[in-house]
Amino acid sequence: MGLLSFLQHNKRVKAKKLSIAEANEAFEFWVQNVTSVEIRDLFLKSLTSGCNEMLPKVVEPTELAHFNDLVADSDIAPDGQIELSSIVNYLASAHTTKSELIKSTASTLEILIVSHACFPFSSLTPLNRDAFCRAVLLLIARCEKSFKHATWISGKNGRDLIRKRTQQARLMFLYSALARPPTGLPTNDDILDVVSRVEYPWYICRKNLIRLRPIIDFLPLAERLEPSSLKDPNSLGPLPVSILEPLRDLAEAFPPRYEEPAADLGFGGAGALTIEEFCYWAKKVRLLEALDQLFSVFIPKAKCQCPKHRAMEEKVVVDTSDSDA
């Protein structure tokens, strides 16, 4: 939606009002001093709580409580880090018919978990509960609820304020994680897609409406926190198909729920794939949907308890039972 409709849909914001000069000064200080650790924490807060009514939360409190219970039962080191083997073991136990496959792809799964816990930076972060939660939300479809939003200033000098993060961008980062494990190599665009979605010092204009910053205003922050960000994605590859085969096996084990699976999950006889070839292949085999099915056991979607949906669920149960009979 454009900026006007965005502002019209925003309600009152509980924040201290700053003048334009004060907001600019506070923003510049934030850009120069905020850390990658703080950005990751703010991003998780945006995903789990929303961002000042600017972006919706992507997970419900009851779903987070379920996640926290699972983490509490995991093998946790004295420093609070979750053992990766414990995560893989839970995935194998949750998907019993695919347990052997999941265990055989453990090294690839561990790379995906660590890289998405560190996203959008290449510096390692301890895999504690918050980092793992961030990784899961990025690996399942929930993140799309935030990533699909876009806001801009229209007109001759139009500028993006929040832009849609595409499936292509998600797959490119996944490719970089496999090419530069364990954290991957993010691009400036990866960082901008995150920092524009977190709470930062902003100017609140008349009627308590937030005035967002153009994405280009965050470039100095991205370059400061990730000076070695990926400039040319093609410099990463090509990746040997032997590295990608575990993903192919997962795509085969978790076919699309609502569409026919791809007739051919192979790599077309190629010995290696460039990043563009990988993205094309991953879209064809619905790789992101396979990962969503795999990792959603940590944050399964809560059932709606409203009378209408409860009645629908009860009807489905009855109909299924009759059909089986």
Protein backbone atom coordinates (compact mmCIF):
# COMPACT_ATOMS: atom_id res chain seq x y z
CA MET A 1 0.00 0.00 0.00
CA GLY A 2 1.08 3.60 -0.55
CA LEU A 3 2.10 5.91 2.26
CA LEU A 4 -1.26 7.67 2.44
CA SER A 5 -3.25 4.48 2.92
CA PHE A 6 -0.61 3.25 5.34
CA LEU A 7 -0.96 6.35 7.50
CA GLN A 8 -4.74 6.16 7.35
CA HIS A 9 -4.64 2.65 8.76
CA ASN A 10 -2.28 3.49 11.61
CA LYS A 11 -3.78 4.23 14.99
CA ARG A 12 -2.41 6.16 17.91
CA VAL A 13 1.13 5.23 18.87
CA LYS A 14 2.35 5.16 22.44
CA ALA A 15 5.71 6.90 22.02
CA LYS A 16 7.35 10.12 23.01
CA LYS A 17 6.85 12.76 20.35
CA LEU A 18 10.03 14.21 18.89
CA SER A 19 10.38 17.28 16.74
CA ILE A 20 11.66 16.71 13.21
CA ALA A 21 15.12 17.92 14.24
CA GLU A 22 15.13 15.71 17.34
CA ALA A 23 13.92 12.70 15.37
CA ASN A 24 16.62 13.22 12.73
CA GLU A 25 19.30 13.53 15.40
CA ALA A 26 18.06 10.45 17.24
CA PHE A 27 17.93 8.46 14.01
CA GLU A 28 21.48 9.44 13.01
CA PHE A 29 22.75 8.46 16.46
CA TRP A 30 20.92 5.13 16.16
CA VAL A 31 22.34 4.44 12.70
CA GLN A 32 25.86 5.08 13.97
CA ASN A 33 25.58 3.14 17.22
CA VAL A 34 23.03 0.33 17.06
CA THR A 35 24.66 -3.12 17.08
CA SER A 36 23.94 -6.27 15.10
CA VAL A 37 22.85 -7.96 18.34
CA GLU A 38 20.31 -5.20 18.96
CA ILE A 39 19.04 -5.36 15.37
CA ARG A 40 18.47 -9.11 15.66
CA ASP A 41 16.61 -8.63 18.95
CA LEU A 42 14.48 -5.86 17.46
CA PHE A 43 13.70 -8.03 14.44
CA LEU A 44 12.52 -10.89 16.64
CA LYS A 45 10.38 -8.42 18.59
CA SER A 46 8.87 -7.21 15.31
CA LEU A 47 8.05 -10.79 14.28
CA THR A 48 6.60 -11.86 17.62
CA SER A 49 4.89 -8.64 18.72
CA GLY A 50 4.50 -6.55 15.59
CA CYS A 51 6.10 -3.16 15.15
CA ASN A 52 4.09 -0.33 16.66
CA GLU A 53 1.08 -1.38 14.58
CA MET A 54 3.20 -0.80 11.49
CA LEU A 55 3.71 -4.52 10.84
CA PRO A 56 1.68 -7.43 12.21
CA LYS A 57 3.05 -10.08 14.51
CA VAL A 58 3.50 -13.40 12.75
CA VAL A 59 3.01 -15.69 15.75
CA GLU A 60 0.47 -15.89 18.56
CA PRO A 61 1.34 -16.00 22.30
CA THR A 62 -0.01 -19.55 22.64
CA GLU A 63 2.19 -20.65 19.75
CA LEU A 64 5.22 -19.03 21.36
CA ALA A 65 4.39 -20.78 24.62
CA HIS A 66 4.41 -24.11 22.77
CA PHE A 67 7.78 -23.25 21.25
CA ASN A 68 9.21 -22.28 24.64
CA ASP A 69 8.05 -25.58 26.13
CA LEU A 70 9.81 -27.51 23.38
CA VAL A 71 13.01 -25.54 23.85
CA ALA A 72 12.89 -26.13 27.61
CA ASP A 73 12.87 -29.87 26.92
CA SER A 74 15.87 -29.63 24.57
CA ASP A 75 19.49 -30.27 25.45
CA ILE A 76 20.79 -26.87 26.54
CA ALA A 77 24.41 -26.11 27.37
CA PRO A 78 25.32 -24.18 30.56
CA ASP A 79 25.72 -21.00 28.49
CA GLY A 80 22.12 -21.26 27.25
CA GLN A 81 22.90 -22.56 23.77
CA ILE A 82 20.66 -25.25 22.33
CA GLU A 83 22.43 -28.34 21.07
CA LEU A 84 21.90 -28.64 17.33
CA SER A 85 21.72 -32.42 17.60
CA SER A 86 18.78 -32.02 19.97
CA ILE A 87 16.93 -29.94 17.37
CA VAL A 88 17.53 -32.49 14.63
CA ASN A 89 16.48 -35.33 16.94
CA TYR A 90 13.21 -33.57 17.68
CA LEU A 91 12.54 -33.05 13.97
CA ALA A 92 13.17 -36.75 13.40
CA SER A 93 10.82 -37.74 16.24
CA ALA A 94 8.10 -35.34 15.07
CA HIS A 95 8.24 -36.68 11.50
CA THR A 96 8.47 -40.37 12.34
CA THR A 97 8.06 -41.69 8.80
CA LYS A 98 10.89 -39.46 7.64
CA SER A 99 13.18 -39.78 10.64
CA GLU A 100 16.03 -41.56 8.87
CA LEU A 101 16.05 -39.03 6.04
CA ILE A 102 16.08 -36.12 8.49
CA LYS A 103 18.99 -37.60 10.40
CA SER A 104 20.89 -38.14 7.14
CA THR A 105 20.48 -34.45 6.25
CA ALA A 106 21.51 -33.23 9.72
CA SER A 107 24.57 -31.27 8.59
CA THR A 108 22.53 -29.34 6.01
CA LEU A 109 19.74 -28.67 8.51
CA GLU A 110 22.26 -27.37 11.03
CA ILE A 111 23.61 -24.91 8.46
CA LEU A 112 20.09 -23.67 7.72
CA ILE A 113 19.33 -23.21 11.41
CA VAL A 114 22.55 -21.38 12.27
CA SER A 115 22.51 -19.13 9.20
CA HIS A 116 18.92 -18.03 9.77
CA ALA A 117 19.59 -17.48 13.47
CA CYS A 118 22.41 -15.11 12.45
CA PHE A 119 20.42 -13.40 9.68
CA PRO A 120 20.82 -10.68 8.44
CA PHE A 121 24.49 -10.61 9.47
CA SER A 122 27.45 -12.93 8.94
CA SER A 123 28.67 -12.71 12.54
CA LEU A 124 27.92 -15.77 14.64
CA THR A 125 25.35 -15.49 17.40
CA PRO A 126 24.80 -17.97 20.24
CA LEU A 127 21.99 -20.37 19.41
CA ASN A 128 19.87 -19.55 22.43
CA ARG A 129 16.08 -19.64 22.57
CA ASP A 130 15.61 -16.24 20.90
CA ALA A 131 18.08 -16.97 18.09
CA PHE A 132 16.46 -20.34 17.42
CA CYS A 133 12.99 -18.77 17.41
CA ARG A 134 14.18 -16.24 14.85
CA ALA A 135 15.61 -19.04 12.71
CA VAL A 136 12.39 -21.07 12.79
CA LEU A 137 10.20 -18.08 11.93
CA LEU A 138 12.43 -17.32 8.94
CA LEU A 139 12.47 -20.92 7.75
CA ILE A 140 8.70 -21.37 7.83
CA ALA A 141 6.00 -19.50 5.97
CA ARG A 142 5.17 -17.26 8.94
CA CYS A 143 7.78 -14.70 7.90
CA GLU A 144 5.76 -14.00 4.74
CA LYS A 145 3.16 -12.23 6.87
CA SER A 146 5.75 -9.52 7.51
CA PHE A 147 7.73 -9.79 4.28
CA LYS A 148 4.73 -9.31 2.00
CA HIS A 149 4.13 -5.78 3.31
CA ALA A 150 5.38 -2.81 1.32
CA THR A 151 5.02 0.93 1.87
CA TRP A 152 6.29 3.73 -0.30
CA ILE A 153 6.08 7.42 -1.12
CA SER A 154 4.50 7.84 -4.53
CA GLY A 155 5.06 10.64 -6.99
CA LYS A 156 7.96 11.96 -9.03
CA ASN A 157 10.48 11.37 -6.25
CA GLY A 158 8.93 8.14 -5.03
CA ARG A 159 10.91 6.18 -2.47
CA ASP A 160 10.53 2.81 -0.79
CA LEU A 161 9.92 2.90 2.96
CA ILE A 162 9.32 -0.81 3.44
CA ARG A 163 9.59 -3.09 0.46
CA LYS A 164 8.35 -6.59 -0.14
CA ARG A 165 10.94 -9.27 0.49
CA THR A 166 10.67 -11.77 -2.32
CA GLN A 167 10.94 -15.53 -2.44
CA GLN A 168 13.96 -14.99 -4.68
CA ALA A 169 15.73 -13.04 -1.92
CA ARG A 170 15.02 -15.78 0.61
CA LEU A 171 16.38 -18.45 -1.71
CA MET A 172 19.48 -16.44 -2.55
CA PHE A 173 20.34 -16.17 1.13
CA LEU A 174 19.75 -19.89 1.57
CA TYR A 175 22.17 -20.54 -1.30
CA SER A 176 24.76 -18.28 0.33
CA ALA A 177 24.41 -20.23 3.58
CA LEU A 178 25.35 -23.44 1.77
CA ALA A 179 28.17 -21.71 -0.09
CA ARG A 180 29.58 -19.88 2.96
CA PRO A 181 28.59 -21.91 6.01
CA PRO A 182 27.67 -21.61 8.73
CA THR A 183 26.29 -18.06 8.56
CA GLY A 184 25.97 -17.35 4.86
CA LEU A 185 26.93 -14.03 3.32
CA PRO A 186 24.07 -11.50 3.40
CA THR A 187 23.62 -8.68 0.93
CA ASN A 188 22.88 -5.06 1.73
CA ASP A 189 19.34 -5.76 0.55
CA ASP A 190 18.99 -8.50 3.18
CA ILE A 191 19.95 -6.04 5.90
CA LEU A 192 17.71 -3.29 4.55
CA ASP A 193 14.76 -5.68 4.41
CA VAL A 194 15.23 -6.23 8.16
CA VAL A 195 16.17 -2.81 9.55
CA SER A 196 13.24 -1.13 7.80
CA ARG A 197 10.96 -3.53 9.70
CA VAL A 198 12.20 -2.83 13.23
CA GLU A 199 11.45 -0.04 15.66
CA TYR A 200 13.82 2.90 15.28
CA PRO A 201 13.67 6.61 16.25
CA TRP A 202 10.97 8.08 14.07
CA TYR A 203 9.13 11.35 13.78
CA ILE A 204 5.49 11.28 14.82
CA CYS A 205 3.53 13.86 12.90
CA ARG A 206 0.01 15.18 13.34
CA LYS A 207 -2.65 12.77 14.60
CA ASN A 208 0.12 10.60 16.06
CA LEU A 209 1.05 9.08 12.70
CA ILE A 210 4.51 7.65 12.20
CA ARG A 211 6.66 9.11 9.45
CA LEU A 212 8.87 6.30 8.20
CA ARG A 213 12.39 6.73 6.85
CA PRO A 214 13.23 5.90 3.22
CA ILE A 215 15.14 2.64 2.91
CA ILE A 216 18.14 4.45 1.46
CA ASP A 217 18.60 6.18 4.84
CA PHE A 218 19.60 2.81 6.31
CA LEU A 219 22.45 2.19 3.85
CA PRO A 220 25.15 3.63 6.15
CA LEU A 221 23.97 1.27 8.88
CA ALA A 222 24.09 -1.75 6.57
CA GLU A 223 27.57 -0.86 5.35
CA ARG A 224 28.82 -0.26 8.90
CA LEU A 225 27.51 -3.51 10.35
CA GLU A 226 28.28 -5.71 7.33
CA PRO A 227 31.18 -4.13 5.41
CA SER A 228 31.86 -7.42 3.62
CA SER A 229 28.26 -7.85 2.47
CA LEU A 230 27.77 -9.80 -0.74
CA LYS A 231 28.05 -7.48 -3.73
CA ASP A 232 27.87 -10.02 -6.55
CA PRO A 233 25.75 -13.12 -5.82
CA ASN A 234 27.32 -14.93 -8.78
CA SER A 235 30.66 -14.90 -6.95
CA LEU A 236 29.31 -17.57 -4.60
CA GLY A 237 29.01 -20.43 -7.01
CA PRO A 238 28.48 -22.63 -8.70
CA LEU A 239 27.63 -25.11 -5.95
CA PRO A 240 28.19 -28.84 -6.58
CA VAL A 241 24.93 -30.76 -6.65
CA SER A 242 26.33 -33.03 -3.94
CA ILE A 243 25.83 -30.11 -1.52
CA LEU A 244 22.27 -29.58 -2.77
CA GLU A 245 21.16 -33.22 -2.78
CA PRO A 246 19.95 -33.13 0.87
CA LEU A 247 17.58 -30.32 -0.09
CA ARG A 248 16.30 -32.35 -3.03
CA ASP A 249 15.64 -35.27 -0.68
CA LEU A 250 13.72 -32.99 1.68
CA ALA A 251 11.67 -31.56 -1.20
CA GLU A 252 10.77 -35.10 -2.22
CA ALA A 253 9.87 -36.10 1.35
CA PHE A 254 7.69 -33.02 1.90
CA PRO A 255 5.76 -32.48 -1.36
CA PRO A 256 3.42 -29.48 -1.80
CA ARG A 257 0.21 -29.71 0.21
CA TYR A 258 -2.13 -28.20 -2.35
CA GLU A 259 -0.38 -28.66 -5.70
CA GLU A 260 0.99 -31.51 -7.72
CA PRO A 261 4.68 -32.12 -6.96
CA ALA A 262 7.20 -31.39 -9.66
CA ALA A 263 7.54 -34.29 -12.07
CA ASP A 264 11.32 -34.10 -11.89
CA LEU A 265 13.15 -33.07 -8.72
CA GLY A 266 16.57 -33.55 -10.26
CA PHE A 267 19.13 -31.00 -11.37
CA GLY A 268 18.87 -31.64 -15.08
CA GLY A 269 22.09 -33.61 -15.22
CA ALA A 270 24.17 -30.62 -14.12
CA GLY A 271 27.15 -31.18 -11.85
CA ALA A 272 26.78 -27.77 -10.21
CA LEU A 273 24.23 -24.96 -10.03
CA THR A 274 24.72 -21.21 -10.12
CA ILE A 275 22.64 -19.11 -7.76
CA GLU A 276 20.14 -18.30 -10.52
CA GLU A 277 19.85 -21.97 -11.49
CA PHE A 278 19.37 -22.91 -7.84
CA CYS A 279 16.57 -20.37 -7.35
CA TYR A 280 14.80 -21.65 -10.47
CA TRP A 281 15.12 -25.25 -9.28
CA ALA A 282 14.04 -24.41 -5.70
CA LYS A 283 10.89 -22.66 -6.92
CA LYS A 284 10.07 -25.57 -9.22
CA VAL A 285 10.28 -28.15 -6.41
CA ARG A 286 8.62 -25.82 -3.84
CA LEU A 287 11.65 -25.99 -1.53
CA LEU A 288 10.44 -23.25 0.81
CA GLU A 289 7.17 -25.10 1.33
CA ALA A 290 9.07 -28.27 2.16
CA LEU A 291 11.11 -26.40 4.77
CA ASP A 292 7.91 -24.90 6.15
CA GLN A 293 6.41 -28.36 6.65
CA LEU A 294 9.63 -29.61 8.23
CA PHE A 295 10.21 -26.82 10.75
CA SER A 296 6.59 -25.86 11.53
CA VAL A 297 6.45 -28.59 14.17
CA PHE A 298 8.26 -26.14 16.45
CA ILE A 299 5.58 -23.47 15.99
CA PRO A 300 2.43 -25.23 14.76
CA LYS A 301 -0.42 -22.95 13.86
CA ALA A 302 -2.85 -22.52 16.74
CA LYS A 303 -6.40 -23.60 16.02
CA CYS A 304 -8.93 -20.81 15.92
CA GLN A 305 -11.35 -21.09 18.85
CA CYS A 306 -14.15 -18.90 17.48
CA PRO A 307 -17.54 -20.73 17.21
CA LYS A 308 -17.57 -20.58 13.42
CA HIS A 309 -14.20 -22.27 12.93
CA ARG A 310 -14.74 -24.74 15.77
CA ALA A 311 -17.97 -25.84 14.08
CA MET A 312 -16.17 -26.20 10.77
CA GLU A 313 -13.47 -28.35 12.38
CA GLU A 314 -16.08 -30.56 14.04
CA LYS A 315 -17.87 -30.97 10.69
CA VAL A 316 -14.62 -31.95 8.99
CA VAL A 317 -13.98 -34.58 11.65
CA VAL A 318 -17.47 -36.07 11.18
CA ASP A 319 -17.23 -36.02 7.39
CA THR A 320 -13.83 -37.69 7.43
CA SER A 321 -15.08 -40.37 9.79
CA ASP A 322 -18.09 -41.10 7.58
CA SER A 323 -15.88 -41.28 4.51
CA ASP A 324 -13.55 -43.80 6.13
CA ALA A 325 -16.49 -45.93 7.10
